[in-house]
Amino acid sequence: MHNITSPYANGATIPRRKMARDQGSGVRGQAPTPRTHRSSRPCRGTSLAVSILVLLGAVGVCAAGEITESVLREALVTYIEDSAPAGVEMEQWDLRRGDLLPLRGEIVDVNLAAGARWRARTPIRVKVETASGSSRTLWVTADLHRARTVVIARRALPMGHRIGPDDVTAEVREGWRNHEDLYARTGEVVGKKVWRPVSKGACVKSWHVRDRRDMAKGQYVVIIAESGAVRVQAPGQLLESGNPGDRVRVMNRASGKELYATVVDAHTVLVSF
C-alpha cells in the first residue's frame, strides 16, 4: 500500500483510505470537519409515553367523545326522569344484539321507539353521531318500575256514602294500569259522595265519587236510560232537589211521565231498566 505524507501531522504517515475519510471539508491541507451523528431511534421518554397510551387504550380507558355503558345509562335515566309518567324508574336495560360499546361519538337524541308506550319493558331509540360524522341508532329495551301514592278505601264504601277522613288512607302501590283516574291525597276525596261502590282495599278512582253539589228542584236535566248497548235520552226536570248519587223524582218533559232516576252530575240523571 502506498503511504501519503500528511502536511499537518508532524510527518506522520496516514493511509490513503483513512485520510480520505477524515478530510470531510474536501479542501486539501485543512483539518477534517467533525461529523455529527443523529440516531434514527426515538428517545427513551417518547417511546415510553407511546407505550403507555397504547396500553391505556388496550385496557378500555375512555377518551373524550366515547359512548360507554355508563354514558348511555346516564342518558337513559335523564330521559326517563324528564319524559316518563310520575313514579317511573329504570331498573336495568339491554342493548340490541349487534350494537357494541364503547363507541366513538356522542348521543344527540333519546326518545321512545315509534309507536311505543311506557310499559314494564319499553323500547327506546338512541340516536348517535359517530366520530366519522355519520349517524346511527342504538336500540335499547329498558326494564322500568312504576310506583305512586294512591288513595285506598279502608272499608267498603257503599253507594251514596259521604266519605269521611277515617274511610280512606294513602298508600304506595305498584303497577302499570292507568293512573290518570286515581287520587294521590285523601283530601281530594273526603267530603265527596260515593257514586259507585268501592271495595275495601281498592283504589278510589274519579268515577267512584261525585263532587258534592246540590241540584235544585225544577232544574232541567237530561234523562239517560241505558241497557247494554242501548242508550236512550230525553229532556227532563227535577221534581226534588238532590246531589250526585242521590235517587230523585224526575219528570220526562217529552211524555209528562214521572219516574225515579239517579243524579249523575249537574246536568244528567240515569234511569235503569
Foldseek 3Di string as FASTA:
>chain_A
DDWDFAPPPVRDTDRPVVVVVQQCVPDHPDGRDDDDDDDPDDDPVVVVVVVVVVVCVVVPDDDPQKDAPVNVVVVVQVCCVVDPDPQKGFDDKDWPPPDDDGFRWDWDDKAFDPPWDDDQWGKIWTWTQHPVRDIDIIIMITGMWGKAKFKFAQAKAAQFDQAAPVGIDIDIDTDDPDPPFTDRDPVVRHRWGAQHIDHHGDTDGNQRTDHWDKAAFFDKAKEWEDDVPDIDIAIKGFRGMDTQRDWGWIAGPVVRDIDIFGHHHNHYTYDYD
